[in-house]
Protein backbone atom coordinates (compact mmCIF):
# COMPACT_ATOMS: atom_id res chain seq x y z
CA UNK A 1 0.00 0.00 0.00
CA UNK A 2 1.33 3.40 -0.94
CA UNK A 3 1.12 6.08 1.76
CA UNK A 4 0.99 9.77 0.95
CA UNK A 5 0.77 13.05 2.83
CA UNK A 6 -1.63 15.75 1.62
CA UNK A 7 1.35 17.78 0.32
CA UNK A 8 2.42 14.84 -1.88
CA UNK A 9 -0.85 14.71 -3.80
CA UNK A 10 -1.48 16.66 -6.94
CA UNK A 11 -4.94 17.51 -8.20
CA UNK A 12 -5.67 15.20 -11.11
CA UNK A 13 -9.04 14.54 -12.64
CA UNK A 14 -8.21 12.51 -15.73
CA UNK A 15 -9.06 8.88 -15.10
CA UNK A 16 -9.95 9.68 -11.47
CA UNK A 17 -13.38 9.16 -9.97
CA UNK A 18 -14.15 10.68 -6.56
CA UNK A 19 -17.00 8.79 -4.91
CA UNK A 20 -19.28 10.14 -2.20
CA UNK A 21 -19.85 7.92 0.85
CA UNK A 22 -23.56 7.64 0.16
CA UNK A 23 -23.03 6.47 -3.43
CA UNK A 24 -23.85 2.93 -4.49
CA UNK A 25 -20.62 1.93 -6.24
CA UNK A 26 -22.42 -0.89 -8.05
CA UNK A 27 -24.22 1.75 -10.12
CA UNK A 28 -21.04 3.55 -11.25
CA UNK A 29 -19.64 3.43 -14.75
CA UNK A 30 -15.98 2.47 -14.40
CA UNK A 31 -15.05 2.77 -18.09
CA UNK A 32 -11.75 4.66 -18.37
CA UNK A 33 -11.34 4.99 -14.61
CA UNK A 34 -7.79 4.41 -13.40
CA UNK A 35 -8.18 5.53 -9.80
CA UNK A 36 -11.13 5.81 -7.44
CA UNK A 37 -10.92 8.14 -4.44
CA UNK A 38 -13.03 6.99 -1.50
CA UNK A 39 -13.53 9.53 1.25
CA UNK A 40 -13.53 9.06 5.03
CA UNK A 41 -15.37 12.15 6.35
CA UNK A 42 -14.49 11.13 9.91
CA UNK A 43 -12.53 8.31 11.53
CA UNK A 44 -15.63 6.45 12.72
CA UNK A 45 -17.33 6.38 9.29
CA UNK A 46 -16.49 3.05 7.67
CA UNK A 47 -18.65 3.14 4.55
CA UNK A 48 -15.58 3.53 2.32
CA UNK A 49 -14.35 0.11 3.53
CA UNK A 50 -17.53 -1.48 2.16
CA UNK A 51 -17.25 0.48 -1.06
CA UNK A 52 -13.67 -0.73 -1.59
CA UNK A 53 -14.66 -4.37 -1.07
CA UNK A 54 -17.54 -4.02 -3.52
CA UNK A 55 -15.30 -2.39 -6.11
CA UNK A 56 -12.67 -5.12 -5.89
CA UNK A 57 -14.72 -8.25 -5.26
CA UNK A 58 -18.01 -7.69 -7.06
CA UNK A 59 -17.00 -5.26 -9.79
CA UNK A 60 -13.47 -6.53 -10.41
CA UNK A 61 -11.90 -3.06 -10.38
CA UNK A 62 -8.12 -3.43 -10.77
CA UNK A 63 -7.05 0.22 -10.72
CA UNK A 64 -5.95 2.19 -7.69
CA UNK A 65 -8.32 2.84 -4.82
CA UNK A 66 -7.21 5.79 -2.70
CA UNK A 67 -8.40 6.60 0.82
CA UNK A 68 -8.81 10.32 1.48
CA UNK A 69 -10.15 12.45 4.31
CA UNK A 70 -9.81 11.59 8.00
CA UNK A 71 -7.33 8.74 7.41
CA UNK A 72 -5.40 7.56 10.47
CA UNK A 73 -2.56 5.04 10.62
CA UNK A 74 -4.76 2.85 12.86
CA UNK A 75 -6.91 2.06 9.81
CA UNK A 76 -4.17 1.17 7.32
CA UNK A 77 -4.00 -2.60 7.79
CA UNK A 78 -7.77 -2.94 7.44
CA UNK A 79 -7.75 -0.61 4.42
CA UNK A 80 -5.15 -2.77 2.73
CA UNK A 81 -7.14 -5.93 3.49
CA UNK A 82 -10.29 -4.32 2.01
CA UNK A 83 -8.61 -3.45 -1.28
CA UNK A 84 -7.20 0.06 -0.91
CA UNK A 85 -3.90 0.55 -2.73
CA UNK A 86 -3.16 4.12 -1.59
CA UNK A 87 -3.93 6.27 1.44
CA UNK A 88 -3.52 10.01 1.99
CA UNK A 89 -2.82 10.34 5.69
CA UNK A 90 -4.17 13.16 7.80
CA UNK A 91 -1.58 15.91 8.43
CA UNK A 92 -0.92 14.89 12.04
CA UNK A 93 -0.15 11.24 11.17
CA UNK A 94 3.41 9.88 10.97
CA UNK A 95 4.14 8.37 7.55
CA UNK A 96 7.07 6.24 8.78
CA UNK A 97 5.01 4.81 11.65
CA UNK A 98 2.21 3.96 9.21
CA UNK A 99 4.64 2.11 6.93
CA UNK A 100 5.98 0.18 9.94
CA UNK A 101 2.44 -0.83 10.94
CA UNK A 102 1.81 -2.21 7.45
CA UNK A 103 4.89 -4.45 7.77
CA UNK A 104 4.03 -5.60 11.31
CA UNK A 105 1.79 -8.58 10.45
CA UNK A 106 3.07 -11.26 8.09
CA UNK A 107 -0.33 -12.89 7.61
CA UNK A 108 -3.86 -13.26 8.91
CA UNK A 109 -6.02 -16.18 9.92
CA UNK A 110 -9.07 -14.93 8.02
CA UNK A 111 -9.21 -14.56 4.26
CA UNK A 112 -9.29 -11.10 2.67
CA UNK A 113 -8.98 -9.52 -0.76
CA UNK A 114 -5.24 -10.14 -0.97
CA UNK A 115 -5.49 -13.78 0.18
CA UNK A 116 -9.08 -15.04 -0.12
CA UNK A 117 -8.38 -18.45 1.45
CA UNK A 118 -8.20 -18.57 5.26
CA UNK A 119 -5.00 -19.83 6.87
CA UNK A 120 -6.39 -23.27 7.73
CA UNK A 121 -7.20 -23.87 4.05
CA UNK A 122 -3.71 -22.81 2.93
CA UNK A 123 -1.77 -25.05 5.35
CA UNK A 124 -3.96 -28.14 5.03
C-alpha atoms as a PDB file:
ATOM      1  CA  UNK A   1       0.000   0.000   0.000  1.00  0.00           C
ATOM      2  CA  UNK A   2       1.335   3.402  -0.939  1.00  0.00           C
ATOM      3  CA  UNK A   3       1.119   6.076   1.756  1.00  0.00           C
ATOM      4  CA  UNK A   4       0.988   9.775   0.953  1.00  0.00           C
ATOM      5  CA  UNK A   5       0.772  13.049   2.830  1.00  0.00           C
ATOM      6  CA  UNK A   6      -1.629  15.747   1.623  1.00  0.00           C
ATOM      7  CA  UNK A   7       1.350  17.778   0.316  1.00  0.00           C
ATOM      8  CA  UNK A   8       2.417  14.837  -1.881  1.00  0.00           C
ATOM      9  CA  UNK A   9      -0.852  14.715  -3.801  1.00  0.00           C
ATOM     10  CA  UNK A  10      -1.479  16.664  -6.945  1.00  0.00           C
ATOM     11  CA  UNK A  11      -4.943  17.505  -8.204  1.00  0.00           C
ATOM     12  CA  UNK A  12      -5.667  15.199 -11.112  1.00  0.00           C
ATOM     13  CA  UNK A  13      -9.039  14.543 -12.636  1.00  0.00           C
ATOM     14  CA  UNK A  14      -8.209  12.511 -15.735  1.00  0.00           C
ATOM     15  CA  UNK A  15      -9.056   8.883 -15.103  1.00  0.00           C
ATOM     16  CA  UNK A  16      -9.955   9.678 -11.467  1.00  0.00           C
ATOM     17  CA  UNK A  17     -13.384   9.157  -9.971  1.00  0.00           C
ATOM     18  CA  UNK A  18     -14.147  10.684  -6.564  1.00  0.00           C
ATOM     19  CA  UNK A  19     -16.995   8.793  -4.911  1.00  0.00           C
ATOM     20  CA  UNK A  20     -19.285  10.138  -2.199  1.00  0.00           C
ATOM     21  CA  UNK A  21     -19.848   7.920   0.849  1.00  0.00           C
ATOM     22  CA  UNK A  22     -23.563   7.635   0.165  1.00  0.00           C
ATOM     23  CA  UNK A  23     -23.028   6.469  -3.433  1.00  0.00           C
ATOM     24  CA  UNK A  24     -23.846   2.931  -4.487  1.00  0.00           C
ATOM     25  CA  UNK A  25     -20.621   1.931  -6.243  1.00  0.00           C
ATOM     26  CA  UNK A  26     -22.421  -0.893  -8.048  1.00  0.00           C
ATOM     27  CA  UNK A  27     -24.222   1.753 -10.124  1.00  0.00           C
ATOM     28  CA  UNK A  28     -21.041   3.551 -11.252  1.00  0.00           C
ATOM     29  CA  UNK A  29     -19.642   3.433 -14.751  1.00  0.00           C
ATOM     30  CA  UNK A  30     -15.980   2.469 -14.403  1.00  0.00           C
ATOM     31  CA  UNK A  31     -15.046   2.768 -18.086  1.00  0.00           C
ATOM     32  CA  UNK A  32     -11.754   4.656 -18.372  1.00  0.00           C
ATOM     33  CA  UNK A  33     -11.339   4.995 -14.608  1.00  0.00           C
ATOM     34  CA  UNK A  34      -7.785   4.407 -13.397  1.00  0.00           C
ATOM     35  CA  UNK A  35      -8.180   5.527  -9.797  1.00  0.00           C
ATOM     36  CA  UNK A  36     -11.125   5.812  -7.438  1.00  0.00           C
ATOM     37  CA  UNK A  37     -10.920   8.139  -4.440  1.00  0.00           C
ATOM     38  CA  UNK A  38     -13.027   6.988  -1.502  1.00  0.00           C
ATOM     39  CA  UNK A  39     -13.534   9.531   1.252  1.00  0.00           C
ATOM     40  CA  UNK A  40     -13.527   9.060   5.026  1.00  0.00           C
ATOM     41  CA  UNK A  41     -15.369  12.151   6.349  1.00  0.00           C
ATOM     42  CA  UNK A  42     -14.494  11.126   9.912  1.00  0.00           C
ATOM     43  CA  UNK A  43     -12.534   8.313  11.532  1.00  0.00           C
ATOM     44  CA  UNK A  44     -15.631   6.448  12.718  1.00  0.00           C
ATOM     45  CA  UNK A  45     -17.333   6.379   9.295  1.00  0.00           C
ATOM     46  CA  UNK A  46     -16.486   3.052   7.672  1.00  0.00           C
ATOM     47  CA  UNK A  47     -18.647   3.143   4.553  1.00  0.00           C
ATOM     48  CA  UNK A  48     -15.576   3.529   2.325  1.00  0.00           C
ATOM     49  CA  UNK A  49     -14.352   0.113   3.528  1.00  0.00           C
ATOM     50  CA  UNK A  50     -17.529  -1.480   2.163  1.00  0.00           C
ATOM     51  CA  UNK A  51     -17.253   0.479  -1.059  1.00  0.00           C
ATOM     52  CA  UNK A  52     -13.667  -0.730  -1.586  1.00  0.00           C
ATOM     53  CA  UNK A  53     -14.656  -4.365  -1.065  1.00  0.00           C
ATOM     54  CA  UNK A  54     -17.544  -4.021  -3.518  1.00  0.00           C
ATOM     55  CA  UNK A  55     -15.297  -2.389  -6.110  1.00  0.00           C
ATOM     56  CA  UNK A  56     -12.670  -5.121  -5.891  1.00  0.00           C
ATOM     57  CA  UNK A  57     -14.718  -8.245  -5.256  1.00  0.00           C
ATOM     58  CA  UNK A  58     -18.005  -7.687  -7.062  1.00  0.00           C
ATOM     59  CA  UNK A  59     -17.003  -5.257  -9.794  1.00  0.00           C
ATOM     60  CA  UNK A  60     -13.473  -6.534 -10.407  1.00  0.00           C
ATOM     61  CA  UNK A  61     -11.902  -3.061 -10.376  1.00  0.00           C
ATOM     62  CA  UNK A  62      -8.122  -3.430 -10.772  1.00  0.00           C
ATOM     63  CA  UNK A  63      -7.049   0.225 -10.725  1.00  0.00           C
ATOM     64  CA  UNK A  64      -5.946   2.191  -7.692  1.00  0.00           C
ATOM     65  CA  UNK A  65      -8.324   2.836  -4.820  1.00  0.00           C
ATOM     66  CA  UNK A  66      -7.210   5.789  -2.701  1.00  0.00           C
ATOM     67  CA  UNK A  67      -8.397   6.598   0.817  1.00  0.00           C
ATOM     68  CA  UNK A  68      -8.810  10.324   1.475  1.00  0.00           C
ATOM     69  CA  UNK A  69     -10.152  12.446   4.307  1.00  0.00           C
ATOM     70  CA  UNK A  70      -9.812  11.591   8.000  1.00  0.00           C
ATOM     71  CA  UNK A  71      -7.334   8.737   7.414  1.00  0.00           C
ATOM     72  CA  UNK A  72      -5.396   7.564  10.475  1.00  0.00           C
ATOM     73  CA  UNK A  73      -2.560   5.039  10.622  1.00  0.00           C
ATOM     74  CA  UNK A  74      -4.756   2.854  12.865  1.00  0.00           C
ATOM     75  CA  UNK A  75      -6.912   2.062   9.810  1.00  0.00           C
ATOM     76  CA  UNK A  76      -4.166   1.171   7.323  1.00  0.00           C
ATOM     77  CA  UNK A  77      -3.999  -2.599   7.789  1.00  0.00           C
ATOM     78  CA  UNK A  78      -7.768  -2.937   7.436  1.00  0.00           C
ATOM     79  CA  UNK A  79      -7.747  -0.614   4.424  1.00  0.00           C
ATOM     80  CA  UNK A  80      -5.153  -2.773   2.732  1.00  0.00           C
ATOM     81  CA  UNK A  81      -7.138  -5.931   3.491  1.00  0.00           C
ATOM     82  CA  UNK A  82     -10.288  -4.322   2.009  1.00  0.00           C
ATOM     83  CA  UNK A  83      -8.612  -3.446  -1.283  1.00  0.00           C
ATOM     84  CA  UNK A  84      -7.195   0.064  -0.907  1.00  0.00           C
ATOM     85  CA  UNK A  85      -3.903   0.550  -2.734  1.00  0.00           C
ATOM     86  CA  UNK A  86      -3.164   4.121  -1.587  1.00  0.00           C
ATOM     87  CA  UNK A  87      -3.931   6.273   1.443  1.00  0.00           C
ATOM     88  CA  UNK A  88      -3.525  10.009   1.987  1.00  0.00           C
ATOM     89  CA  UNK A  89      -2.825  10.341   5.690  1.00  0.00           C
ATOM     90  CA  UNK A  90      -4.170  13.159   7.799  1.00  0.00           C
ATOM     91  CA  UNK A  91      -1.585  15.909   8.430  1.00  0.00           C
ATOM     92  CA  UNK A  92      -0.923  14.887  12.038  1.00  0.00           C
ATOM     93  CA  UNK A  93      -0.148  11.245  11.166  1.00  0.00           C
ATOM     94  CA  UNK A  94       3.411   9.875  10.974  1.00  0.00           C
ATOM     95  CA  UNK A  95       4.138   8.375   7.550  1.00  0.00           C
ATOM     96  CA  UNK A  96       7.074   6.240   8.784  1.00  0.00           C
ATOM     97  CA  UNK A  97       5.009   4.809  11.648  1.00  0.00           C
ATOM     98  CA  UNK A  98       2.215   3.963   9.207  1.00  0.00           C
ATOM     99  CA  UNK A  99       4.637   2.111   6.935  1.00  0.00           C
ATOM    100  CA  UNK A 100       5.983   0.177   9.942  1.00  0.00           C
ATOM    101  CA  UNK A 101       2.444  -0.834  10.936  1.00  0.00           C
ATOM    102  CA  UNK A 102       1.810  -2.211   7.449  1.00  0.00           C
ATOM    103  CA  UNK A 103       4.886  -4.453   7.773  1.00  0.00           C
ATOM    104  CA  UNK A 104       4.028  -5.597  11.306  1.00  0.00           C
ATOM    105  CA  UNK A 105       1.793  -8.582  10.453  1.00  0.00           C
ATOM    106  CA  UNK A 106       3.074 -11.261   8.089  1.00  0.00           C
ATOM    107  CA  UNK A 107      -0.332 -12.886   7.612  1.00  0.00           C
ATOM    108  CA  UNK A 108      -3.856 -13.264   8.912  1.00  0.00           C
ATOM    109  CA  UNK A 109      -6.017 -16.183   9.924  1.00  0.00           C
ATOM    110  CA  UNK A 110      -9.068 -14.929   8.019  1.00  0.00           C
ATOM    111  CA  UNK A 111      -9.215 -14.557   4.256  1.00  0.00           C
ATOM    112  CA  UNK A 112      -9.293 -11.101   2.671  1.00  0.00           C
ATOM    113  CA  UNK A 113      -8.983  -9.523  -0.756  1.00  0.00           C
ATOM    114  CA  UNK A 114      -5.239 -10.145  -0.965  1.00  0.00           C
ATOM    115  CA  UNK A 115      -5.489 -13.782   0.180  1.00  0.00           C
ATOM    116  CA  UNK A 116      -9.079 -15.044  -0.121  1.00  0.00           C
ATOM    117  CA  UNK A 117      -8.375 -18.447   1.447  1.00  0.00           C
ATOM    118  CA  UNK A 118      -8.198 -18.566   5.262  1.00  0.00           C
ATOM    119  CA  UNK A 119      -4.997 -19.830   6.867  1.00  0.00           C
ATOM    120  CA  UNK A 120      -6.388 -23.270   7.732  1.00  0.00           C
ATOM    121  CA  UNK A 121      -7.198 -23.866   4.047  1.00  0.00           C
ATOM    122  CA  UNK A 122      -3.708 -22.811   2.932  1.00  0.00           C
ATOM    123  CA  UNK A 123      -1.774 -25.053   5.347  1.00  0.00           C
ATOM    124  CA  UNK A 124      -3.961 -28.138   5.035  1.00  0.00           C
END
